[in-house]
Structures are given as structure tokens and as C-alpha cells.
């Protein structure tokens, strides 16, 4: 069991951790992309709702 945790510690030292600036940038990209996708899906939903209520 000790050998396992020693290996985990060694691997964690090899990980390239992003900087705080890079983290903020990547987080902003995810938030903006999520909002744009939500707006797109909302617009698509509105169009289909309008079309089904108009033609039915």
C-alpha cells in the first residue's frame, strides 16, 4: 500500500499544472461557450415551439 502512494506522489510531481492566468482564461472560455450553446438551444426550442403551435 505504501508503494502505491509513493508512486502516486511521484506521478503528481510530473503533472504540468496550469497557471492561475491560464485557469481563468480556460474557465472564461467554458462559461462563454456554455452560455452561447444555451442561447442557441433556447432559440431552437422557441422556433420549434412556434412552428408546432402555428401548424397544429
PDB file of N, CA and C in Angstrom:
ATOM      1  N   UNK A   1       0.827  -1.188   0.000  1.00  0.00           N
ATOM      2  CA  UNK A   1       0.000   0.000   0.000  1.00  0.00           C
ATOM      3  C   UNK A   1       0.876   1.260   0.000  1.00  0.00           C
ATOM      4  N   UNK A   2       1.948   1.236   0.777  1.00  0.00           N
ATOM      5  CA  UNK A   2       2.861   2.379   0.832  1.00  0.00           C
ATOM      6  C   UNK A   2       3.498   2.629  -0.534  1.00  0.00           C
ATOM      7  N   UNK A   3       3.815   1.543  -1.225  1.00  0.00           N
ATOM      8  CA  UNK A   3       4.438   1.649  -2.546  1.00  0.00           C
ATOM      9  C   UNK A   3       3.499   2.362  -3.530  1.00  0.00           C
ATOM     10  N   UNK A   4       2.212   2.062  -3.417  1.00  0.00           N
ATOM     11  CA  UNK A   4       1.218   2.696  -4.282  1.00  0.00           C
ATOM     12  C   UNK A   4       1.209   4.208  -4.069  1.00  0.00           C
ATOM     13  N   UNK A   5       1.121   4.643  -2.799  1.00  0.00           N
ATOM     14  CA  UNK A   5       1.063   6.074  -2.511  1.00  0.00           C
ATOM     15  C   UNK A   5       2.373   6.782  -2.855  1.00  0.00           C
ATOM     16  N   UNK A   6       3.467   6.093  -2.746  1.00  0.00           N
ATOM     17  CA  UNK A   6       4.753   6.654  -3.151  1.00  0.00           C
ATOM     18  C   UNK A   6       4.749   6.898  -4.662  1.00  0.00           C
ATOM     19  N   UNK A   7       4.195   5.940  -5.398  1.00  0.00           N
ATOM     20  CA  UNK A   7       4.078   6.093  -6.849  1.00  0.00           C
ATOM     21  C   UNK A   7       3.147   7.234  -7.228  1.00  0.00           C
ATOM     22  N   UNK A   8       2.059   7.381  -6.487  1.00  0.00           N
ATOM     23  CA  UNK A   8       1.121   8.480  -6.747  1.00  0.00           C
ATOM     24  C   UNK A   8       1.819   9.818  -6.529  1.00  0.00           C
ATOM     25  N   UNK A   9       2.560   9.930  -5.436  1.00  0.00           N
ATOM     26  CA  UNK A   9       3.294  11.165  -5.165  1.00  0.00           C
ATOM     27  C   UNK A   9       4.285  11.491  -6.267  1.00  0.00           C
ATOM     28  N   UNK A  10       4.957  10.476  -6.763  1.00  0.00           N
ATOM     29  CA  UNK A  10       5.922  10.675  -7.847  1.00  0.00           C
ATOM     30  C   UNK A  10       5.215  11.163  -9.115  1.00  0.00           C
ATOM     31  N   UNK A  11       4.097  10.557  -9.453  1.00  0.00           N
ATOM     32  CA  UNK A  11       3.359  10.951 -10.656  1.00  0.00           C
ATOM     33  C   UNK A  11       2.803  12.368 -10.535  1.00  0.00           C
ATOM     34  N   UNK A  12       2.366  12.750  -9.333  1.00  0.00           N
ATOM     35  CA  UNK A  12       1.826  14.093  -9.133  1.00  0.00           C
ATOM     36  C   UNK A  12       2.894  15.160  -9.373  1.00  0.00           C
ATOM     37  N   UNK A  13       4.142  14.830  -9.101  1.00  0.00           N
ATOM     38  CA  UNK A  13       5.227  15.779  -9.352  1.00  0.00           C
ATOM     39  C   UNK A  13       5.487  15.947 -10.845  1.00  0.00           C
ATOM     40  N   UNK A  14       5.110  14.970 -11.642  1.00  0.00           N
ATOM     41  CA  UNK A  14       5.333  15.026 -13.087  1.00  0.00           C
ATOM     42  C   UNK A  14       4.219  15.767 -13.830  1.00  0.00           C
ATOM     43  N   UNK A  15       3.105  16.012 -13.164  1.00  0.00           N
ATOM     44  CA  UNK A  15       1.963  16.671 -13.802  1.00  0.00           C
ATOM     45  C   UNK A  15       2.305  18.133 -14.069  1.00  0.00           C
ATOM     46  N   UNK A  16       1.953  18.606 -15.255  1.00  0.00           N
ATOM     47  CA  UNK A  16       2.122  20.029 -15.581  1.00  0.00           C
ATOM     48  C   UNK A  16       0.852  20.753 -15.154  1.00  0.00           C
ATOM     49  N   UNK A  17       0.931  21.543 -14.098  1.00  0.00           N
ATOM     50  CA  UNK A  17      -0.227  22.258 -13.577  1.00  0.00           C
ATOM     51  C   UNK A  17      -0.338  23.609 -14.271  1.00  0.00           C
ATOM     52  N   UNK A  18      -1.540  24.002 -14.707  1.00  0.00           N
ATOM     53  CA  UNK A  18      -1.698  25.294 -15.379  1.00  0.00           C
ATOM     54  C   UNK A  18      -1.536  26.454 -14.390  1.00  0.00           C
ATOM     55  N   UNK A  19      -1.158  27.599 -14.936  1.00  0.00           N
ATOM     56  CA  UNK A  19      -1.014  28.789 -14.095  1.00  0.00           C
ATOM     57  C   UNK A  19      -2.402  29.340 -13.758  1.00  0.00           C
ATOM     58  N   UNK A  20      -2.455  30.252 -12.803  1.00  0.00           N
ATOM     59  CA  UNK A  20      -3.735  30.861 -12.422  1.00  0.00           C
ATOM     60  C   UNK A  20      -4.328  31.631 -13.598  1.00  0.00           C
ATOM     61  N   UNK A  21      -3.473  32.303 -14.356  1.00  0.00           N
ATOM     62  CA  UNK A  21      -3.942  33.059 -15.524  1.00  0.00           C
ATOM     63  C   UNK A  21      -4.553  32.124 -16.565  1.00  0.00           C
ATOM     64  N   UNK A  22      -3.897  31.015 -16.805  1.00  0.00           N
ATOM     65  CA  UNK A  22      -4.404  30.041 -17.776  1.00  0.00           C
ATOM     66  C   UNK A  22      -5.716  29.428 -17.285  1.00  0.00           C
ATOM     67  N   UNK A  23      -5.809  29.173 -15.986  1.00  0.00           N
ATOM     68  CA  UNK A  23      -7.048  28.645 -15.412  1.00  0.00           C
ATOM     69  C   UNK A  23      -8.204  29.611 -15.607  1.00  0.00           C
ATOM     70  N   UNK A  24      -7.975  30.899 -15.343  1.00  0.00           N
ATOM     71  CA  UNK A  24      -9.031  31.903 -15.513  1.00  0.00           C
ATOM     72  C   UNK A  24      -9.460  31.990 -16.971  1.00  0.00           C
ATOM     73  N   UNK A  25      -8.492  31.974 -17.890  1.00  0.00           N
ATOM     74  CA  UNK A  25      -8.814  32.048 -19.313  1.00  0.00           C
ATOM     75  C   UNK A  25      -9.640  30.841 -19.754  1.00  0.00           C
ATOM     76  N   UNK A  26      -9.208  29.662 -19.357  1.00  0.00           N
ATOM     77  CA  UNK A  26      -9.923  28.446 -19.742  1.00  0.00           C
ATOM     78  C   UNK A  26     -11.324  28.410 -19.134  1.00  0.00           C
ATOM     79  N   UNK A  27     -11.456  28.875 -17.895  1.00  0.00           N
ATOM     80  CA  UNK A  27     -12.767  28.924 -17.252  1.00  0.00           C
ATOM     81  C   UNK A  27     -13.685  29.890 -17.990  1.00  0.00           C
ATOM     82  N   UNK A  28     -13.152  31.036 -18.391  1.00  0.00           N
ATOM     83  CA  UNK A  28     -13.952  32.007 -19.143  1.00  0.00           C
ATOM     84  C   UNK A  28     -14.410  31.423 -20.474  1.00  0.00           C
ATOM     85  N   UNK A  29     -13.541  30.688 -21.135  1.00  0.00           N
ATOM     86  CA  UNK A  29     -13.909  30.057 -22.412  1.00  0.00           C
ATOM     87  C   UNK A  29     -15.048  29.063 -22.205  1.00  0.00           C
ATOM     88  N   UNK A  30     -14.977  28.275 -21.154  1.00  0.00           N
ATOM     89  CA  UNK A  30     -16.024  27.285 -20.877  1.00  0.00           C
ATOM     90  C   UNK A  30     -17.347  27.985 -20.568  1.00  0.00           C
ATOM     91  N   UNK A  31     -17.310  29.043 -19.769  1.00  0.00           N
ATOM     92  CA  UNK A  31     -18.542  29.755 -19.408  1.00  0.00           C
ATOM     93  C   UNK A  31     -19.168  30.408 -20.635  1.00  0.00           C
ATOM     94  N   UNK A  32     -18.361  31.090 -21.442  1.00  0.00           N
ATOM     95  CA  UNK A  32     -18.886  31.747 -22.641  1.00  0.00           C
ATOM     96  C   UNK A  32     -19.454  30.718 -23.612  1.00  0.00           C
ATOM     97  N   UNK A  33     -18.755  29.630 -23.820  1.00  0.00           N
ATOM     98  CA  UNK A  33     -19.240  28.576 -24.711  1.00  0.00           C
ATOM     99  C   UNK A  33     -20.550  27.989 -24.202  1.00  0.00           C
ATOM    100  N   UNK A  34     -20.652  27.767 -22.903  1.00  0.00           N
ATOM    101  CA  UNK A  34     -21.873  27.212 -22.319  1.00  0.00           C
ATOM    102  C   UNK A  34     -23.051  28.163 -22.492  1.00  0.00           C
ATOM    103  N   UNK A  35     -22.818  29.456 -22.263  1.00  0.00           N
ATOM    104  CA  UNK A  35     -23.891  30.443 -22.418  1.00  0.00           C
ATOM    105  C   UNK A  35     -24.335  30.522 -23.873  1.00  0.00           C
ATOM    106  N   UNK A  36     -23.388  30.564 -24.795  1.00  0.00           N
ATOM    107  CA  UNK A  36     -23.748  30.620 -26.215  1.00  0.00           C
ATOM    108  C   UNK A  36     -24.517  29.378 -26.652  1.00  0.00           C
ATOM    109  N   UNK A  37     -24.105  28.217 -26.182  1.00  0.00           N
ATOM    110  CA  UNK A  37     -24.801  26.984 -26.533  1.00  0.00           C
ATOM    111  C   UNK A  37     -26.205  26.967 -25.932  1.00  0.00           C
ATOM    112  N   UNK A  38     -26.349  27.467 -24.700  1.00  0.00           N
ATOM    113  CA  UNK A  38     -27.669  27.538 -24.069  1.00  0.00           C
ATOM    114  C   UNK A  38     -28.581  28.491 -24.841  1.00  0.00           C
ATOM    115  N   UNK A  39     -28.044  29.622 -25.280  1.00  0.00           N
ATOM    116  CA  UNK A  39     -28.842  30.558 -26.082  1.00  0.00           C
ATOM    117  C   UNK A  39     -29.255  29.931 -27.410  1.00  0.00           C
ATOM    118  N   UNK A  40     -28.342  29.208 -28.033  1.00  0.00           N
ATOM    119  CA  UNK A  40     -28.655  28.527 -29.287  1.00  0.00           C
ATOM    120  C   UNK A  40     -29.770  27.504 -29.084  1.00  0.00           C
ATOM    121  N   UNK A  41     -29.655  26.688 -28.035  1.00  0.00           N
ATOM    122  CA  UNK A  41     -30.690  25.685 -27.772  1.00  0.00           C
ATOM    123  C   UNK A  41     -32.019  26.339 -27.414  1.00  0.00           C
ATOM    124  N   UNK A  42     -31.979  27.440 -26.672  1.00  0.00           N
ATOM    125  CA  UNK A  42     -33.207  28.164 -26.343  1.00  0.00           C
ATOM    126  C   UNK A  42     -33.878  28.713 -27.586  1.00  0.00           C
ATOM    127  N   UNK A  43     -33.084  29.267 -28.502  1.00  0.00           N
ATOM    128  CA  UNK A  43     -33.635  29.785 -29.755  1.00  0.00           C
ATOM    129  C   UNK A  43     -34.214  28.655 -30.598  1.00  0.00           C
ATOM    130  N   UNK A  44     -33.523  27.548 -30.653  1.00  0.00           N
ATOM    131  CA  UNK A  44     -34.012  26.393 -31.400  1.00  0.00           C
ATOM    132  C   UNK A  44     -35.327  25.882 -30.809  1.00  0.00           C
ATOM    133  N   UNK A  45     -35.404  25.829 -29.501  1.00  0.00           N
ATOM    134  CA  UNK A  45     -36.626  25.410 -28.823  1.00  0.00           C
ATOM    135  C   UNK A  45     -37.768  26.369 -29.133  1.00  0.00           C
ATOM    136  N   UNK A  46     -37.470  27.675 -29.109  1.00  0.00           N
ATOM    137  CA  UNK A  46     -38.504  28.666 -29.391  1.00  0.00           C
ATOM    138  C   UNK A  46     -39.015  28.516 -30.829  1.00  0.00           C
ATOM    139  N   UNK A  47     -38.109  28.302 -31.786  1.00  0.00           N
ATOM    140  CA  UNK A  47     -38.505  28.142 -33.189  1.00  0.00           C
ATOM    141  C   UNK A  47     -39.391  26.916 -33.352  1.00  0.00           C
ATOM    142  N   UNK A  48     -38.995  25.781 -32.774  1.00  0.00           N
ATOM    143  CA  UNK A  48     -39.809  24.571 -32.907  1.00  0.00           C
ATOM    144  C   UNK A  48     -41.151  24.717 -32.195  1.00  0.00           C
ATOM    145  N   UNK A  49     -41.171  25.386 -31.063  1.00  0.00           N
ATOM    146  CA  UNK A  49     -42.436  25.617 -30.359  1.00  0.00           C
ATOM    147  C   UNK A  49     -43.351  26.503 -31.191  1.00  0.00           C
ATOM    148  N   UNK A  50     -42.788  27.534 -31.785  1.00  0.00           N
ATOM    149  CA  UNK A  50     -43.570  28.435 -32.626  1.00  0.00           C
ATOM    150  C   UNK A  50     -44.118  27.700 -33.845  1.00  0.00           C
ATOM    151  N   UNK A  51     -43.269  26.902 -34.478  1.00  0.00           N
ATOM    152  CA  UNK A  51     -43.707  26.176 -35.671  1.00  0.00           C
ATOM    153  C   UNK A  51     -44.784  25.150 -35.346  1.00  0.00           C
ATOM    154  N   UNK A  52     -44.635  24.430 -34.247  1.00  0.00           N
ATOM    155  CA  UNK A  52     -45.646  23.425 -33.914  1.00  0.00           C
ATOM    156  C   UNK A  52     -46.955  24.075 -33.491  1.00  0.00           C
ATOM    157  N   UNK A  53     -46.906  25.217 -32.826  1.00  0.00           N
ATOM    158  CA  UNK A  53     -48.160  25.875 -32.431  1.00  0.00           C
ATOM    159  C   UNK A  53     -48.828  26.537 -33.632  1.00  0.00           C
ATOM    160  N   UNK A  54     -48.061  26.935 -34.632  1.00  0.00           N
ATOM    161  CA  UNK A  54     -48.615  27.582 -35.817  1.00  0.00           C
ATOM    162  C   UNK A  54     -49.270  26.574 -36.754  1.00  0.00           C
ATOM    163  N   UNK A  55     -48.657  25.435 -36.936  1.00  0.00           N
ATOM    164  CA  UNK A  55     -49.138  24.475 -37.918  1.00  0.00           C
ATOM    165  C   UNK A  55     -49.993  23.362 -37.337  1.00  0.00           C
ATOM    166  N   UNK A  56     -50.263  23.370 -36.060  1.00  0.00           N
ATOM    167  CA  UNK A  56     -51.077  22.300 -35.486  1.00  0.00           C
ATOM    168  C   UNK A  56     -52.369  22.827 -34.963  1.00  0.00           C
TER     169      UNK A  56
END
